[in-house]
Amino acid sequence: MSKSLKGRCIRRWKVEFKSVCDSKISPWWRKRDLRGYIRECALTTADCMVESMAEDNARVDFQGSALGWSPEFSVWYDERRERYRKEALDFLNAEATSDEIDEEIQNELEAWND
């Protein structure tokens, strides 16, 4: 895939909200929201995907499983955070599918409704 994870997240959020961001349909959402608020949500989604994968990979490397967060792990991960984030970003830029991005978007929207 030629587009970055952030670019694909922005595109998928716009697709999700394009029909909603119309003054004829919604009294709250406008087209300007696609460029502003929705874009920020997309960037947050991309950052969360990267951070989640980085933390999961680090936990596996630290103790052999993806469970738990201890003070020792926190110190260990702080020293290696950027390396794990870069690896996760590189992987997601190349391998993340639209379905995975859509699933993250749906999870975010469900959290809005809680």
N, C-alpha and C. Protein backbone atom coordinates (compact mmCIF):
# COMPACT_ATOMS: atom_id res chain seq x y z
N MET A 1 0.85 -1.18 0.00
CA MET A 1 0.00 0.00 0.00
C MET A 1 0.89 1.24 0.00
N SER A 2 0.53 2.18 -0.80
CA SER A 2 1.38 3.34 -0.96
C SER A 2 1.08 4.43 0.06
N LYS A 3 -0.10 4.45 0.61
CA LYS A 3 -0.45 5.50 1.55
C LYS A 3 -0.04 5.12 2.96
N SER A 4 0.25 6.13 3.75
CA SER A 4 0.62 5.89 5.14
C SER A 4 -0.60 5.51 5.96
N LEU A 5 -0.34 4.99 7.15
CA LEU A 5 -1.43 4.62 8.05
C LEU A 5 -2.29 5.85 8.36
N LYS A 6 -1.66 6.98 8.63
CA LYS A 6 -2.42 8.19 8.96
C LYS A 6 -3.30 8.60 7.78
N GLY A 7 -2.76 8.56 6.58
CA GLY A 7 -3.55 8.92 5.40
C GLY A 7 -4.73 8.01 5.19
N ARG A 8 -4.52 6.71 5.40
CA ARG A 8 -5.62 5.76 5.24
C ARG A 8 -6.66 5.93 6.34
N CYS A 9 -6.22 6.23 7.57
CA CYS A 9 -7.18 6.47 8.66
C CYS A 9 -8.03 7.71 8.36
N ILE A 10 -7.39 8.76 7.87
CA ILE A 10 -8.14 9.97 7.52
C ILE A 10 -9.18 9.65 6.45
N ARG A 11 -8.77 8.91 5.44
CA ARG A 11 -9.69 8.55 4.36
C ARG A 11 -10.87 7.72 4.87
N ARG A 12 -10.60 6.74 5.71
CA ARG A 12 -11.66 5.87 6.21
C ARG A 12 -12.62 6.64 7.13
N TRP A 13 -12.11 7.57 7.95
CA TRP A 13 -12.99 8.40 8.80
C TRP A 13 -13.87 9.28 7.91
N LYS A 14 -13.27 9.85 6.85
CA LYS A 14 -14.07 10.69 5.95
C LYS A 14 -15.17 9.89 5.28
N VAL A 15 -14.85 8.68 4.86
CA VAL A 15 -15.86 7.82 4.24
C VAL A 15 -16.97 7.53 5.24
N GLU A 16 -16.60 7.26 6.49
CA GLU A 16 -17.58 6.95 7.53
C GLU A 16 -18.53 8.13 7.80
N PHE A 17 -17.99 9.36 7.75
CA PHE A 17 -18.78 10.52 8.14
C PHE A 17 -19.27 11.37 6.98
N LYS A 18 -18.90 11.05 5.75
CA LYS A 18 -19.28 11.88 4.61
C LYS A 18 -20.79 12.07 4.51
N SER A 19 -21.54 11.02 4.71
CA SER A 19 -23.00 11.14 4.59
C SER A 19 -23.61 11.88 5.77
N VAL A 20 -22.92 11.90 6.89
CA VAL A 20 -23.44 12.57 8.09
C VAL A 20 -23.14 14.07 8.08
N CYS A 21 -21.99 14.43 7.53
CA CYS A 21 -21.55 15.82 7.55
C CYS A 21 -22.18 16.62 6.42
N ASP A 22 -23.47 16.76 6.49
CA ASP A 22 -24.24 17.49 5.50
C ASP A 22 -25.34 18.24 6.24
N SER A 23 -25.43 19.53 6.01
CA SER A 23 -26.41 20.35 6.73
C SER A 23 -27.85 19.94 6.41
N LYS A 24 -28.06 19.26 5.30
CA LYS A 24 -29.40 18.79 4.96
C LYS A 24 -29.81 17.58 5.79
N ILE A 25 -28.82 16.88 6.33
CA ILE A 25 -29.08 15.66 7.08
C ILE A 25 -28.94 15.88 8.58
N SER A 26 -27.92 16.62 8.98
CA SER A 26 -27.62 16.77 10.40
C SER A 26 -27.58 18.24 10.81
N PRO A 27 -28.24 18.57 11.90
CA PRO A 27 -28.15 19.95 12.38
C PRO A 27 -26.83 20.25 13.11
N TRP A 28 -26.03 19.21 13.39
CA TRP A 28 -24.79 19.40 14.14
C TRP A 28 -23.53 19.29 13.29
N TRP A 29 -23.47 18.31 12.39
CA TRP A 29 -22.26 18.07 11.62
C TRP A 29 -22.27 18.87 10.32
N ARG A 30 -21.14 19.43 9.97
CA ARG A 30 -20.97 20.20 8.73
C ARG A 30 -19.78 19.66 7.95
N LYS A 31 -19.65 20.05 6.69
CA LYS A 31 -18.51 19.62 5.87
C LYS A 31 -17.18 20.07 6.46
N ARG A 32 -17.18 21.20 7.13
CA ARG A 32 -15.92 21.67 7.73
C ARG A 32 -15.42 20.70 8.80
N ASP A 33 -16.33 19.93 9.38
CA ASP A 33 -15.94 18.96 10.40
C ASP A 33 -15.08 17.84 9.82
N LEU A 34 -15.26 17.55 8.51
CA LEU A 34 -14.41 16.54 7.87
C LEU A 34 -12.96 16.99 7.85
N ARG A 35 -12.72 18.27 7.69
CA ARG A 35 -11.36 18.80 7.64
C ARG A 35 -10.78 19.05 9.02
N GLY A 36 -11.63 19.25 9.99
CA GLY A 36 -11.17 19.60 11.32
C GLY A 36 -11.27 18.46 12.30
N TYR A 37 -12.42 18.34 12.91
CA TYR A 37 -12.63 17.39 13.99
C TYR A 37 -12.43 15.94 13.54
N ILE A 38 -12.99 15.57 12.41
CA ILE A 38 -12.90 14.19 11.94
C ILE A 38 -11.45 13.84 11.59
N ARG A 39 -10.71 14.79 11.04
CA ARG A 39 -9.29 14.56 10.74
C ARG A 39 -8.52 14.30 12.03
N GLU A 40 -8.80 15.06 13.06
CA GLU A 40 -8.13 14.85 14.35
C GLU A 40 -8.47 13.48 14.93
N CYS A 41 -9.70 13.06 14.79
CA CYS A 41 -10.10 11.73 15.25
C CYS A 41 -9.32 10.65 14.50
N ALA A 42 -9.15 10.85 13.21
CA ALA A 42 -8.42 9.88 12.40
C ALA A 42 -6.95 9.78 12.84
N LEU A 43 -6.34 10.92 13.11
CA LEU A 43 -4.95 10.91 13.56
C LEU A 43 -4.82 10.25 14.93
N THR A 44 -5.81 10.46 15.77
CA THR A 44 -5.82 9.80 17.08
C THR A 44 -5.95 8.30 16.92
N THR A 45 -6.81 7.85 16.01
CA THR A 45 -6.98 6.43 15.75
C THR A 45 -5.67 5.81 15.29
N ALA A 46 -4.98 6.46 14.36
CA ALA A 46 -3.70 5.95 13.88
C ALA A 46 -2.68 5.87 15.00
N ASP A 47 -2.59 6.91 15.82
CA ASP A 47 -1.64 6.91 16.93
C ASP A 47 -1.96 5.80 17.93
N CYS A 48 -3.24 5.59 18.19
CA CYS A 48 -3.64 4.53 19.13
C CYS A 48 -3.29 3.15 18.58
N MET A 49 -3.47 2.95 17.28
CA MET A 49 -3.11 1.67 16.68
C MET A 49 -1.62 1.41 16.83
N VAL A 50 -0.81 2.43 16.57
CA VAL A 50 0.64 2.29 16.68
C VAL A 50 1.04 2.02 18.12
N GLU A 51 0.52 2.81 19.03
CA GLU A 51 0.90 2.66 20.44
C GLU A 51 0.47 1.30 20.99
N SER A 52 -0.71 0.85 20.63
CA SER A 52 -1.19 -0.44 21.10
C SER A 52 -0.30 -1.57 20.61
N MET A 53 0.04 -1.55 19.32
CA MET A 53 0.91 -2.60 18.79
C MET A 53 2.30 -2.53 19.42
N ALA A 54 2.83 -1.34 19.61
CA ALA A 54 4.15 -1.18 20.21
C ALA A 54 4.17 -1.74 21.63
N GLU A 55 3.15 -1.41 22.42
CA GLU A 55 3.08 -1.91 23.80
C GLU A 55 2.93 -3.43 23.84
N ASP A 56 2.08 -3.97 22.97
CA ASP A 56 1.90 -5.42 22.94
C ASP A 56 3.20 -6.14 22.58
N ASN A 57 3.90 -5.64 21.57
CA ASN A 57 5.17 -6.24 21.16
C ASN A 57 6.21 -6.14 22.27
N ALA A 58 6.24 -5.01 22.94
CA ALA A 58 7.21 -4.83 24.03
C ALA A 58 6.91 -5.77 25.19
N ARG A 59 5.63 -5.94 25.54
CA ARG A 59 5.29 -6.84 26.64
C ARG A 59 5.69 -8.28 26.32
N VAL A 60 5.51 -8.69 25.08
CA VAL A 60 5.91 -10.03 24.68
C VAL A 60 7.43 -10.17 24.79
N ASP A 61 8.17 -9.17 24.33
CA ASP A 61 9.63 -9.22 24.42
C ASP A 61 10.12 -9.17 25.87
N PHE A 62 9.41 -8.47 26.71
CA PHE A 62 9.82 -8.30 28.10
C PHE A 62 9.62 -9.57 28.91
N GLN A 63 8.45 -10.20 28.80
CA GLN A 63 8.18 -11.34 29.65
C GLN A 63 7.62 -12.55 28.92
N GLY A 64 7.54 -12.48 27.64
CA GLY A 64 7.07 -13.63 26.90
C GLY A 64 5.56 -13.74 26.77
N SER A 65 4.83 -12.78 27.29
CA SER A 65 3.38 -12.76 27.11
C SER A 65 2.91 -11.32 27.03
N ALA A 66 1.70 -11.13 26.54
CA ALA A 66 1.18 -9.77 26.36
C ALA A 66 0.32 -9.32 27.53
N LEU A 67 0.45 -9.99 28.68
CA LEU A 67 -0.40 -9.67 29.83
C LEU A 67 0.37 -8.82 30.84
N GLY A 68 -0.34 -7.89 31.44
CA GLY A 68 0.20 -7.14 32.58
C GLY A 68 1.08 -5.96 32.25
N TRP A 69 1.09 -5.05 33.18
CA TRP A 69 1.92 -3.84 33.09
C TRP A 69 2.46 -3.60 34.50
N SER A 70 3.75 -3.78 34.67
CA SER A 70 4.34 -3.66 35.99
C SER A 70 5.26 -2.44 36.03
N PRO A 71 5.66 -2.01 37.23
CA PRO A 71 6.62 -0.90 37.32
C PRO A 71 7.93 -1.22 36.60
N GLU A 72 8.36 -2.47 36.69
CA GLU A 72 9.61 -2.87 36.01
C GLU A 72 9.45 -2.77 34.50
N PHE A 73 8.31 -3.23 34.01
CA PHE A 73 8.06 -3.13 32.57
C PHE A 73 7.99 -1.68 32.13
N SER A 74 7.37 -0.84 32.93
CA SER A 74 7.24 0.57 32.59
C SER A 74 8.61 1.22 32.40
N VAL A 75 9.52 0.96 33.31
CA VAL A 75 10.88 1.51 33.20
C VAL A 75 11.56 0.95 31.97
N TRP A 76 11.44 -0.35 31.77
CA TRP A 76 12.08 -1.01 30.63
C TRP A 76 11.52 -0.46 29.31
N TYR A 77 10.19 -0.29 29.24
CA TYR A 77 9.56 0.18 28.01
C TYR A 77 9.88 1.65 27.73
N ASP A 78 9.96 2.47 28.76
CA ASP A 78 10.31 3.89 28.57
C ASP A 78 11.63 4.05 27.84
N GLU A 79 12.57 3.17 28.12
CA GLU A 79 13.89 3.23 27.48
C GLU A 79 13.85 2.79 26.03
N ARG A 80 12.84 2.03 25.65
CA ARG A 80 12.77 1.44 24.31
C ARG A 80 11.54 1.86 23.51
N ARG A 81 10.78 2.78 24.04
CA ARG A 81 9.50 3.17 23.45
C ARG A 81 9.62 3.57 21.98
N GLU A 82 10.54 4.44 21.64
CA GLU A 82 10.64 4.94 20.27
C GLU A 82 10.95 3.84 19.27
N ARG A 83 11.81 2.90 19.66
CA ARG A 83 12.14 1.80 18.77
C ARG A 83 10.89 0.96 18.48
N TYR A 84 10.12 0.63 19.52
CA TYR A 84 8.91 -0.16 19.33
C TYR A 84 7.85 0.61 18.55
N ARG A 85 7.73 1.90 18.79
CA ARG A 85 6.77 2.71 18.03
C ARG A 85 7.15 2.76 16.55
N LYS A 86 8.43 2.92 16.27
CA LYS A 86 8.88 2.97 14.87
C LYS A 86 8.61 1.63 14.17
N GLU A 87 8.92 0.53 14.85
CA GLU A 87 8.66 -0.78 14.25
C GLU A 87 7.17 -0.99 14.00
N ALA A 88 6.34 -0.60 14.96
CA ALA A 88 4.89 -0.74 14.80
C ALA A 88 4.38 0.14 13.66
N LEU A 89 4.85 1.38 13.58
CA LEU A 89 4.42 2.28 12.50
C LEU A 89 4.84 1.73 11.14
N ASP A 90 6.07 1.26 11.03
CA ASP A 90 6.52 0.69 9.76
C ASP A 90 5.67 -0.50 9.36
N PHE A 91 5.37 -1.37 10.32
CA PHE A 91 4.55 -2.54 10.03
C PHE A 91 3.14 -2.13 9.61
N LEU A 92 2.51 -1.24 10.37
CA LEU A 92 1.14 -0.83 10.07
C LEU A 92 1.04 -0.04 8.77
N ASN A 93 2.07 0.76 8.45
CA ASN A 93 2.07 1.47 7.16
C ASN A 93 2.02 0.47 6.01
N ALA A 94 2.69 -0.66 6.18
CA ALA A 94 2.76 -1.64 5.10
C ALA A 94 1.63 -2.67 5.15
N GLU A 95 1.17 -3.03 6.33
CA GLU A 95 0.31 -4.20 6.46
C GLU A 95 -1.11 -3.95 6.94
N ALA A 96 -1.42 -2.81 7.51
CA ALA A 96 -2.77 -2.58 8.04
C ALA A 96 -3.78 -2.56 6.89
N THR A 97 -4.88 -3.27 7.08
CA THR A 97 -5.91 -3.33 6.06
C THR A 97 -7.03 -2.34 6.37
N SER A 98 -7.83 -2.06 5.37
CA SER A 98 -8.98 -1.18 5.58
C SER A 98 -9.95 -1.77 6.59
N ASP A 99 -10.07 -3.09 6.62
CA ASP A 99 -10.95 -3.73 7.58
C ASP A 99 -10.47 -3.51 9.01
N GLU A 100 -9.16 -3.60 9.23
CA GLU A 100 -8.61 -3.35 10.56
C GLU A 100 -8.82 -1.90 10.98
N ILE A 101 -8.63 -0.99 10.05
CA ILE A 101 -8.84 0.43 10.34
C ILE A 101 -10.31 0.68 10.63
N ASP A 102 -11.20 0.10 9.83
CA ASP A 102 -12.64 0.24 10.06
C ASP A 102 -13.04 -0.30 11.43
N GLU A 103 -12.43 -1.41 11.83
CA GLU A 103 -12.73 -1.98 13.15
C GLU A 103 -12.30 -1.02 14.27
N GLU A 104 -11.14 -0.40 14.12
CA GLU A 104 -10.69 0.58 15.11
C GLU A 104 -11.63 1.78 15.16
N ILE A 105 -12.10 2.21 14.00
CA ILE A 105 -13.03 3.34 13.94
C ILE A 105 -14.34 2.97 14.65
N GLN A 106 -14.84 1.77 14.40
CA GLN A 106 -16.07 1.34 15.06
C GLN A 106 -15.88 1.25 16.57
N ASN A 107 -14.72 0.79 17.01
CA ASN A 107 -14.44 0.75 18.45
C ASN A 107 -14.44 2.16 19.04
N GLU A 108 -13.88 3.09 18.31
CA GLU A 108 -13.85 4.49 18.77
C GLU A 108 -15.27 5.06 18.84
N LEU A 109 -16.06 4.78 17.82
CA LEU A 109 -17.44 5.28 17.81
C LEU A 109 -18.27 4.66 18.94
N GLU A 110 -18.04 3.39 19.22
CA GLU A 110 -18.73 2.76 20.35
C GLU A 110 -18.34 3.42 21.66
N ALA A 111 -17.07 3.80 21.78
CA ALA A 111 -16.62 4.48 22.99
C ALA A 111 -17.29 5.86 23.11
N TRP A 112 -17.57 6.51 21.99
CA TRP A 112 -18.27 7.80 22.02
C TRP A 112 -19.66 7.62 22.62
N ASN A 113 -20.28 6.49 22.35
CA ASN A 113 -21.65 6.24 22.78
C ASN A 113 -21.75 5.75 24.22
N ASP A 114 -20.65 5.42 24.84
CA ASP A 114 -20.68 4.95 26.24
C ASP A 114 -20.88 6.07 27.21
